[in-house]
Amino acid sequence: MNIILFEEHELGRNISRRDERTIHLLKVLHKKPGDEFDAGILGSHSCPCGMKGTGRIEKINLDGSIFVTINASQPPAPRLRLRMAVSFVRPIQLRRIFRALSNIGVSAIDLAGTDLGEKSYRDTKLLEDGGAHAALIEGAVQARDTQIPAFSVYDDFGKWLGARPWEKTEGSRVPLLIAMDNVRAEGSLFNISPSSRPAVIAIGPERGWSDCEREQFEKAGFLRLSMGDRALRTETACVAAAALAMEKIQEFRI
């Protein structure tokens, strides 16, 4: 763990000895009472900034739990102006996607069903048992971040396109709208001219988009672009498209 994150409701409470953060602090980092560590408060609706700073172990209780205090005054890095919409995939892939995109720092992740995707993947327990939330936090911890992407679920991409959630966050800024398509692309993501606009990227299943979905994307103003002739795994396509988009919208910071 590159940073230990705590949610607001955990402040002022003991952290269980079975908690992975307690285990990491005591067993991996060998911290003792009085020792400090990199810490932060996970961003939430009531504390969206997600400040970071240092934590201090005040006490190790007889039951093995710990009591910590947090001194957080540093703001996190700004979120990328990049929203990713991803089709349902195998749960193990989905966990990796959540972790990777959170690690990169995208602003939002939307999950949606597709015509050609495996319908059983929509029944994943990750969305009910906290697995998705945990994967997003894992990505943030690796990045030394205190924020996680906003996360939403839609029955299908048609409903996602109808909702146009990017308009609620980008306001008057018109984003670059891209649907990755390695079968019937209109062009290449490599050839898009650099721009200061935010971006919204839709990633489909490995079987690709249906003709109906392509038509819906076209009507919604999306460009259908490819990253080459290879059919990539969805998790690979997500990371590759995000990295290329970051370069195109000038999000690489020194």
C-alpha atoms as a PDB file:
ATOM      1  CA  MET A   1       0.000   0.000   0.000  1.00  0.00           C
ATOM      2  CA  ASN A   2       1.463   3.346  -1.082  1.00  0.00           C
ATOM      3  CA  ILE A   3      -1.044   5.256   1.064  1.00  0.00           C
ATOM      4  CA  ILE A   4      -3.443   4.115   3.783  1.00  0.00           C
ATOM      5  CA  LEU A   5      -6.969   5.396   3.118  1.00  0.00           C
ATOM      6  CA  PHE A   6      -9.761   5.829   5.651  1.00  0.00           C
ATOM      7  CA  GLU A   7     -13.384   6.691   5.064  1.00  0.00           C
ATOM      8  CA  GLU A   8     -14.931   9.505   7.065  1.00  0.00           C
ATOM      9  CA  HIS A   9     -17.100   7.218   9.178  1.00  0.00           C
ATOM     10  CA  GLU A  10     -13.974   5.336  10.338  1.00  0.00           C
ATOM     11  CA  LEU A  11     -12.295   8.369  11.885  1.00  0.00           C
ATOM     12  CA  GLY A  12     -12.266   8.220  15.671  1.00  0.00           C
ATOM     13  CA  ARG A  13     -12.917   4.466  15.708  1.00  0.00           C
ATOM     14  CA  ASN A  14     -10.716   1.443  16.261  1.00  0.00           C
ATOM     15  CA  ILE A  15      -9.601  -0.419  13.130  1.00  0.00           C
ATOM     16  CA  SER A  16      -9.974  -4.193  13.469  1.00  0.00           C
ATOM     17  CA  ARG A  17      -6.907  -6.395  13.703  1.00  0.00           C
ATOM     18  CA  ARG A  18      -8.246  -8.344  10.703  1.00  0.00           C
ATOM     19  CA  ASP A  19      -8.453  -5.210   8.559  1.00  0.00           C
ATOM     20  CA  GLU A  20      -5.872  -5.339   5.759  1.00  0.00           C
ATOM     21  CA  ARG A  21      -4.691  -1.840   6.704  1.00  0.00           C
ATOM     22  CA  THR A  22      -3.961  -2.935  10.260  1.00  0.00           C
ATOM     23  CA  ILE A  23      -2.149  -6.007   8.981  1.00  0.00           C
ATOM     24  CA  HIS A  24      -0.113  -3.905   6.542  1.00  0.00           C
ATOM     25  CA  LEU A  25       0.843  -1.319   9.161  1.00  0.00           C
ATOM     26  CA  LEU A  26       1.798  -3.791  11.881  1.00  0.00           C
ATOM     27  CA  LYS A  27       3.041  -6.840   9.972  1.00  0.00           C
ATOM     28  CA  VAL A  28       4.501  -5.356   6.788  1.00  0.00           C
ATOM     29  CA  LEU A  29       5.625  -1.870   7.836  1.00  0.00           C
ATOM     30  CA  HIS A  30       6.258  -2.906  11.479  1.00  0.00           C
ATOM     31  CA  LYS A  31       4.753   0.306  12.822  1.00  0.00           C
ATOM     32  CA  LYS A  32       4.425   0.880  16.551  1.00  0.00           C
ATOM     33  CA  PRO A  33       2.466   3.375  18.692  1.00  0.00           C
ATOM     34  CA  GLY A  34       3.702   6.860  17.907  1.00  0.00           C
ATOM     35  CA  ASP A  35       4.830   5.977  14.380  1.00  0.00           C
ATOM     36  CA  GLU A  36       3.503   7.909  11.391  1.00  0.00           C
ATOM     37  CA  PHE A  37       2.580   6.763   7.882  1.00  0.00           C
ATOM     38  CA  ASP A  38       1.233   8.200   4.621  1.00  0.00           C
ATOM     39  CA  ALA A  39      -2.534   8.475   4.938  1.00  0.00           C
ATOM     40  CA  GLY A  40      -5.576  10.117   3.446  1.00  0.00           C
ATOM     41  CA  ILE A  41      -9.341  10.487   3.740  1.00  0.00           C
ATOM     42  CA  LEU A  42     -11.236   8.864   0.901  1.00  0.00           C
ATOM     43  CA  GLY A  43     -13.256  11.409  -1.078  1.00  0.00           C
ATOM     44  CA  SER A  44     -17.018  11.187  -0.597  1.00  0.00           C
ATOM     45  CA  HIS A  45     -20.136  13.237  -1.266  1.00  0.00           C
ATOM     46  CA  SER A  46     -19.659  15.194   1.945  1.00  0.00           C
ATOM     47  CA  CYS A  47     -15.865  15.382   1.589  1.00  0.00           C
ATOM     48  CA  PRO A  48     -15.224  15.361  -2.158  1.00  0.00           C
ATOM     49  CA  CYS A  49     -11.713  16.755  -1.970  1.00  0.00           C
ATOM     50  CA  GLY A  50     -10.200  13.681  -0.303  1.00  0.00           C
ATOM     51  CA  MET A  51      -7.340  15.371   1.582  1.00  0.00           C
ATOM     52  CA  LYS A  52      -4.118  13.511   2.287  1.00  0.00           C
ATOM     53  CA  GLY A  53      -1.232  13.814   4.708  1.00  0.00           C
ATOM     54  CA  THR A  54      -0.022  11.598   7.543  1.00  0.00           C
ATOM     55  CA  GLY A  55      -1.548   9.131   9.960  1.00  0.00           C
ATOM     56  CA  ARG A  56      -0.277   8.242  13.399  1.00  0.00           C
ATOM     57  CA  ILE A  57      -0.802   5.061  15.380  1.00  0.00           C
ATOM     58  CA  GLU A  58      -1.944   6.252  18.780  1.00  0.00           C
ATOM     59  CA  LYS A  59      -2.645   2.874  20.339  1.00  0.00           C
ATOM     60  CA  ILE A  60      -2.549  -0.857  19.700  1.00  0.00           C
ATOM     61  CA  ASN A  61      -5.389  -2.367  21.725  1.00  0.00           C
ATOM     62  CA  LEU A  62      -5.316  -5.675  23.584  1.00  0.00           C
ATOM     63  CA  ASP A  63      -7.588  -7.242  20.958  1.00  0.00           C
ATOM     64  CA  GLY A  64      -5.108  -6.311  18.205  1.00  0.00           C
ATOM     65  CA  SER A  65      -7.140  -3.435  16.812  1.00  0.00           C
ATOM     66  CA  ILE A  66      -5.497  -0.044  16.361  1.00  0.00           C
ATOM     67  CA  PHE A  67      -6.555   3.540  16.937  1.00  0.00           C
ATOM     68  CA  VAL A  68      -5.131   6.113  14.524  1.00  0.00           C
ATOM     69  CA  THR A  69      -5.374   9.853  14.037  1.00  0.00           C
ATOM     70  CA  ILE A  70      -5.143  11.578  10.663  1.00  0.00           C
ATOM     71  CA  ASN A  71      -3.563  14.943   9.840  1.00  0.00           C
ATOM     72  CA  ALA A  72      -4.624  15.574   6.244  1.00  0.00           C
ATOM     73  CA  SER A  73      -4.191  18.999   4.644  1.00  0.00           C
ATOM     74  CA  GLN A  74      -2.835  18.285   1.152  1.00  0.00           C
ATOM     75  CA  PRO A  75      -5.269  18.195  -1.796  1.00  0.00           C
ATOM     76  CA  PRO A  76      -5.101  15.233  -4.174  1.00  0.00           C
ATOM     77  CA  ALA A  77      -4.057  15.436  -7.810  1.00  0.00           C
ATOM     78  CA  PRO A  78      -6.875  16.620 -10.111  1.00  0.00           C
ATOM     79  CA  ARG A  79      -8.941  13.965 -11.844  1.00  0.00           C
ATOM     80  CA  LEU A  80      -8.356  13.325 -15.528  1.00  0.00           C
ATOM     81  CA  ARG A  81     -10.910  14.877 -17.866  1.00  0.00           C
ATOM     82  CA  LEU A  82     -11.672  11.391 -19.100  1.00  0.00           C
ATOM     83  CA  ARG A  83     -14.836   9.312 -18.682  1.00  0.00           C
ATOM     84  CA  MET A  84     -14.771   5.610 -19.584  1.00  0.00           C
ATOM     85  CA  ALA A  85     -17.861   3.528 -20.413  1.00  0.00           C
ATOM     86  CA  VAL A  86     -17.202  -0.219 -20.405  1.00  0.00           C
ATOM     87  CA  SER A  87     -19.250  -3.266 -21.320  1.00  0.00           C
ATOM     88  CA  PHE A  88     -19.885  -6.036 -18.808  1.00  0.00           C
ATOM     89  CA  VAL A  89     -17.106  -8.642 -18.907  1.00  0.00           C
ATOM     90  CA  ARG A  90     -16.028 -11.584 -16.732  1.00  0.00           C
ATOM     91  CA  PRO A  91     -15.942 -10.584 -13.050  1.00  0.00           C
ATOM     92  CA  ILE A  92     -12.197 -11.191 -12.774  1.00  0.00           C
ATOM     93  CA  GLN A  93     -11.620  -8.876 -15.755  1.00  0.00           C
ATOM     94  CA  LEU A  94     -14.052  -6.336 -14.371  1.00  0.00           C
ATOM     95  CA  ARG A  95     -12.136  -6.145 -11.108  1.00  0.00           C
ATOM     96  CA  ARG A  96      -8.904  -5.518 -13.028  1.00  0.00           C
ATOM     97  CA  ILE A  97     -10.569  -2.824 -15.128  1.00  0.00           C
ATOM     98  CA  PHE A  98     -11.905  -1.005 -12.062  1.00  0.00           C
ATOM     99  CA  ARG A  99      -8.497  -1.159 -10.403  1.00  0.00           C
ATOM    100  CA  ALA A 100      -6.577  -0.031 -13.509  1.00  0.00           C
ATOM    101  CA  LEU A 101      -8.855   2.871 -14.444  1.00  0.00           C
ATOM    102  CA  SER A 102      -8.947   4.104 -10.856  1.00  0.00           C
ATOM    103  CA  ASN A 103      -5.154   3.855 -10.789  1.00  0.00           C
ATOM    104  CA  ILE A 104      -4.915   5.961 -13.957  1.00  0.00           C
ATOM    105  CA  GLY A 105      -7.221   8.581 -12.453  1.00  0.00           C
ATOM    106  CA  VAL A 106     -10.223   8.697 -14.800  1.00  0.00           C
ATOM    107  CA  SER A 107     -13.062  10.877 -13.569  1.00  0.00           C
ATOM    108  CA  ALA A 108     -15.887   8.360 -14.046  1.00  0.00           C
ATOM    109  CA  ILE A 109     -16.559   4.751 -15.031  1.00  0.00           C
ATOM    110  CA  ASP A 110     -19.912   3.718 -16.493  1.00  0.00           C
ATOM    111  CA  LEU A 111     -20.754   0.033 -16.852  1.00  0.00           C
ATOM    112  CA  ALA A 112     -23.329  -0.998 -19.454  1.00  0.00           C
ATOM    113  CA  GLY A 113     -24.743  -4.075 -21.154  1.00  0.00           C
ATOM    114  CA  THR A 114     -24.226  -4.724 -24.878  1.00  0.00           C
ATOM    115  CA  ASP A 115     -26.015  -6.647 -27.604  1.00  0.00           C
ATOM    116  CA  LEU A 116     -23.156  -9.077 -28.258  1.00  0.00           C
ATOM    117  CA  GLY A 117     -21.764  -9.360 -24.730  1.00  0.00           C
ATOM    118  CA  GLU A 118     -22.365 -12.409 -22.544  1.00  0.00           C
ATOM    119  CA  LYS A 119     -25.615 -11.721 -20.697  1.00  0.00           C
ATOM    120  CA  SER A 120     -24.618 -13.763 -17.621  1.00  0.00           C
ATOM    121  CA  TYR A 121     -21.816 -11.294 -16.861  1.00  0.00           C
ATOM    122  CA  ARG A 122     -24.452  -8.754 -15.809  1.00  0.00           C
ATOM    123  CA  ASP A 123     -25.210 -10.905 -12.749  1.00  0.00           C
ATOM    124  CA  THR A 124     -21.791 -10.278 -11.216  1.00  0.00           C
ATOM    125  CA  LYS A 125     -21.774 -10.002  -7.424  1.00  0.00           C
ATOM    126  CA  LEU A 126     -19.036  -7.367  -7.575  1.00  0.00           C
ATOM    127  CA  LEU A 127     -21.699  -4.692  -7.739  1.00  0.00           C
ATOM    128  CA  GLU A 128     -23.485  -5.968  -4.634  1.00  0.00           C
ATOM    129  CA  ASP A 129     -20.791  -7.283  -2.284  1.00  0.00           C
ATOM    130  CA  GLY A 130     -18.531  -4.229  -2.330  1.00  0.00           C
ATOM    131  CA  GLY A 131     -16.008  -5.804  -4.682  1.00  0.00           C
ATOM    132  CA  ALA A 132     -16.218  -2.990  -7.223  1.00  0.00           C
ATOM    133  CA  HIS A 133     -15.743  -0.331  -4.535  1.00  0.00           C
ATOM    134  CA  ALA A 134     -12.788  -2.253  -3.098  1.00  0.00           C
ATOM    135  CA  ALA A 135     -11.131  -2.541  -6.530  1.00  0.00           C
ATOM    136  CA  LEU A 136     -11.518   1.204  -7.108  1.00  0.00           C
ATOM    137  CA  ILE A 137      -9.870   1.879  -3.743  1.00  0.00           C
ATOM    138  CA  GLU A 138      -7.029  -0.546  -4.568  1.00  0.00           C
ATOM    139  CA  GLY A 139      -6.290   1.449  -7.710  1.00  0.00           C
ATOM    140  CA  ALA A 140      -6.291   4.722  -5.796  1.00  0.00           C
ATOM    141  CA  VAL A 141      -4.010   3.351  -3.076  1.00  0.00           C
ATOM    142  CA  GLN A 142      -1.487   2.209  -5.681  1.00  0.00           C
ATOM    143  CA  ALA A 143      -1.520   5.711  -7.206  1.00  0.00           C
ATOM    144  CA  ARG A 144      -1.198   7.463  -3.829  1.00  0.00           C
ATOM    145  CA  ASP A 145      -4.582   9.008  -4.543  1.00  0.00           C
ATOM    146  CA  THR A 146      -7.431   9.750  -2.156  1.00  0.00           C
ATOM    147  CA  GLN A 147     -10.221   9.839  -4.726  1.00  0.00           C
ATOM    148  CA  ILE A 148     -11.946   7.151  -6.753  1.00  0.00           C
ATOM    149  CA  PRO A 149     -13.883   7.537 -10.016  1.00  0.00           C
ATOM    150  CA  ALA A 150     -17.617   8.132  -9.945  1.00  0.00           C
ATOM    151  CA  PHE A 151     -19.300   4.849 -10.842  1.00  0.00           C
ATOM    152  CA  SER A 152     -22.649   4.138 -12.527  1.00  0.00           C
ATOM    153  CA  VAL A 153     -24.408   1.117 -14.062  1.00  0.00           C
ATOM    154  CA  TYR A 154     -26.772   1.076 -17.069  1.00  0.00           C
ATOM    155  CA  ASP A 155     -28.803  -1.758 -18.541  1.00  0.00           C
ATOM    156  CA  ASP A 156     -27.347  -1.119 -21.986  1.00  0.00           C
ATOM    157  CA  PHE A 157     -25.423   1.453 -23.989  1.00  0.00           C
ATOM    158  CA  GLY A 158     -28.627   2.763 -25.542  1.00  0.00           C
ATOM    159  CA  LYS A 159     -29.814   3.941 -22.124  1.00  0.00           C
ATOM    160  CA  TRP A 160     -26.360   5.308 -21.361  1.00  0.00           C
ATOM    161  CA  LEU A 161     -26.387   7.327 -24.584  1.00  0.00           C
ATOM    162  CA  GLY A 162     -29.877   8.572 -23.781  1.00  0.00           C
ATOM    163  CA  ALA A 163     -28.826   9.667 -20.290  1.00  0.00           C
ATOM    164  CA  ARG A 164     -25.685  11.444 -21.580  1.00  0.00           C
ATOM    165  CA  PRO A 165     -24.133  11.553 -18.075  1.00  0.00           C
ATOM    166  CA  TRP A 166     -21.100  13.497 -19.310  1.00  0.00           C
ATOM    167  CA  GLU A 167     -23.283  16.557 -19.827  1.00  0.00           C
ATOM    168  CA  LYS A 168     -23.963  16.690 -16.085  1.00  0.00           C
ATOM    169  CA  THR A 169     -20.240  16.931 -15.284  1.00  0.00           C
ATOM    170  CA  GLU A 170     -18.700  18.773 -18.223  1.00  0.00           C
ATOM    171  CA  GLY A 171     -21.291  21.558 -18.447  1.00  0.00           C
ATOM    172  CA  SER A 172     -20.655  23.787 -21.457  1.00  0.00           C
ATOM    173  CA  ARG A 173     -17.441  21.994 -22.406  1.00  0.00           C
ATOM    174  CA  VAL A 174     -18.158  19.746 -25.395  1.00  0.00           C
ATOM    175  CA  PRO A 175     -16.190  16.516 -24.930  1.00  0.00           C
ATOM    176  CA  LEU A 176     -14.555  14.388 -27.570  1.00  0.00           C
ATOM    177  CA  LEU A 177     -16.922  11.400 -27.955  1.00  0.00           C
ATOM    178  CA  ILE A 178     -15.299   8.128 -29.042  1.00  0.00           C
ATOM    179  CA  ALA A 179     -16.560   4.557 -29.376  1.00  0.00           C
ATOM    180  CA  MET A 180     -13.679   2.144 -29.903  1.00  0.00           C
ATOM    181  CA  ASP A 181     -14.389  -0.155 -32.856  1.00  0.00           C
ATOM    182  CA  ASN A 182     -11.804  -2.452 -34.431  1.00  0.00           C
ATOM    183  CA  VAL A 183     -14.256  -3.957 -36.960  1.00  0.00           C
ATOM    184  CA  ARG A 184     -16.005  -1.057 -38.726  1.00  0.00           C
ATOM    185  CA  ALA A 185     -14.016   1.972 -37.647  1.00  0.00           C
ATOM    186  CA  GLU A 186     -14.253   5.359 -39.304  1.00  0.00           C
ATOM    187  CA  GLY A 187     -10.662   6.191 -38.474  1.00  0.00           C
ATOM    188  CA  SER A 188      -7.867   5.684 -35.970  1.00  0.00           C
ATOM    189  CA  LEU A 189      -7.495   7.077 -32.477  1.00  0.00           C
ATOM    190  CA  PHE A 190      -3.817   7.599 -33.314  1.00  0.00           C
ATOM    191  CA  ASN A 191      -4.749  10.214 -35.945  1.00  0.00           C
ATOM    192  CA  ILE A 192      -6.991  12.395 -33.786  1.00  0.00           C
ATOM    193  CA  SER A 193      -5.572  15.898 -33.425  1.00  0.00           C
ATOM    194  CA  PRO A 194      -4.583  16.996 -29.909  1.00  0.00           C
ATOM    195  CA  SER A 195      -7.229  19.048 -28.126  1.00  0.00           C
ATOM    196  CA  SER A 196      -7.874  20.591 -24.729  1.00  0.00           C
ATOM    197  CA  ARG A 197     -11.386  19.099 -24.672  1.00  0.00           C
ATOM    198  CA  PRO A 198     -12.353  16.401 -22.167  1.00  0.00           C
ATOM    199  CA  ALA A 199     -13.048  12.942 -23.591  1.00  0.00           C
ATOM    200  CA  VAL A 200     -15.653  10.211 -23.248  1.00  0.00           C
ATOM    201  CA  ILE A 201     -14.630   6.749 -24.472  1.00  0.00           C
ATOM    202  CA  ALA A 202     -16.876   3.708 -24.870  1.00  0.00           C
ATOM    203  CA  ILE A 203     -15.283   0.238 -24.828  1.00  0.00           C
ATOM    204  CA  GLY A 204     -17.361  -2.717 -26.004  1.00  0.00           C
ATOM    205  CA  PRO A 205     -17.032  -6.474 -25.494  1.00  0.00           C
ATOM    206  CA  GLU A 206     -14.450  -8.553 -27.336  1.00  0.00           C
ATOM    207  CA  ARG A 207     -17.150  -9.556 -29.857  1.00  0.00           C
ATOM    208  CA  GLY A 208     -17.547  -5.899 -30.778  1.00  0.00           C
ATOM    209  CA  TRP A 209     -20.587  -3.681 -31.303  1.00  0.00           C
ATOM    210  CA  SER A 210     -23.794  -4.655 -33.073  1.00  0.00           C
ATOM    211  CA  ASP A 211     -24.924  -2.649 -36.116  1.00  0.00           C
ATOM    212  CA  CYS A 212     -27.728  -1.220 -33.980  1.00  0.00           C
ATOM    213  CA  GLU A 213     -25.247   0.029 -31.401  1.00  0.00           C
ATOM    214  CA  ARG A 214     -23.060   1.555 -34.100  1.00  0.00           C
ATOM    215  CA  GLU A 215     -26.073   3.446 -35.395  1.00  0.00           C
ATOM    216  CA  GLN A 216     -26.880   4.668 -31.879  1.00  0.00           C
ATOM    217  CA  PHE A 217     -23.328   5.916 -31.376  1.00  0.00           C
ATOM    218  CA  GLU A 218     -23.408   7.727 -34.718  1.00  0.00           C
ATOM    219  CA  LYS A 219     -26.678   9.479 -33.866  1.00  0.00           C
ATOM    220  CA  ALA A 220     -25.241  10.503 -30.487  1.00  0.00           C
ATOM    221  CA  GLY A 221     -22.247  12.170 -32.141  1.00  0.00           C
ATOM    222  CA  PHE A 222     -19.600   9.547 -31.356  1.00  0.00           C
ATOM    223  CA  LEU A 223     -16.639   8.808 -33.608  1.00  0.00           C
ATOM    224  CA  ARG A 224     -15.987   5.102 -34.136  1.00  0.00           C
ATOM    225  CA  LEU A 225     -12.218   4.722 -33.968  1.00  0.00           C
ATOM    226  CA  SER A 226      -9.786   1.827 -33.829  1.00  0.00           C
ATOM    227  CA  MET A 227      -6.403   1.181 -32.231  1.00  0.00           C
ATOM    228  CA  GLY A 228      -5.267  -1.190 -34.959  1.00  0.00           C
ATOM    229  CA  ASP A 229      -6.329  -4.518 -36.422  1.00  0.00           C
ATOM    230  CA  ARG A 230      -6.008  -6.628 -33.284  1.00  0.00           C
ATOM    231  CA  ALA A 231      -9.024  -7.671 -31.249  1.00  0.00           C
ATOM    232  CA  LEU A 232      -7.896  -6.700 -27.760  1.00  0.00           C
ATOM    233  CA  ARG A 233      -9.146  -8.058 -24.477  1.00  0.00           C
ATOM    234  CA  THR A 234     -11.523  -5.530 -22.965  1.00  0.00           C
ATOM    235  CA  GLU A 235      -9.217  -4.840 -20.020  1.00  0.00           C
ATOM    236  CA  THR A 236      -6.277  -4.238 -22.391  1.00  0.00           C
ATOM    237  CA  ALA A 237      -8.373  -1.991 -24.632  1.00  0.00           C
ATOM    238  CA  CYS A 238      -9.435   0.102 -21.622  1.00  0.00           C
ATOM    239  CA  VAL A 239      -5.883   0.879 -20.536  1.00  0.00           C
ATOM    240  CA  ALA A 240      -4.580   1.402 -24.080  1.00  0.00           C
ATOM    241  CA  ALA A 241      -7.473   3.703 -25.043  1.00  0.00           C
ATOM    242  CA  ALA A 242      -7.172   5.669 -21.800  1.00  0.00           C
ATOM    243  CA  ALA A 243      -3.440   6.225 -22.333  1.00  0.00           C
ATOM    244  CA  LEU A 244      -3.901   7.325 -25.938  1.00  0.00           C
ATOM    245  CA  ALA A 245      -6.788   9.602 -24.978  1.00  0.00           C
ATOM    246  CA  MET A 246      -4.703  11.191 -22.229  1.00  0.00           C
ATOM    247  CA  GLU A 247      -2.132  12.144 -24.851  1.00  0.00           C
ATOM    248  CA  LYS A 248      -4.779  13.473 -27.254  1.00  0.00           C
ATOM    249  CA  ILE A 249      -6.496  15.675 -24.665  1.00  0.00           C
ATOM    250  CA  GLN A 250      -3.148  16.808 -23.260  1.00  0.00           C
ATOM    251  CA  GLU A 251      -3.555  15.268 -19.837  1.00  0.00           C
ATOM    252  CA  PHE A 252       0.033  14.112 -19.372  1.00  0.00           C
ATOM    253  CA  ARG A 253       1.454  16.393 -16.700  1.00  0.00           C
ATOM    254  CA  ILE A 254       5.087  16.935 -15.761  1.00  0.00           C
END
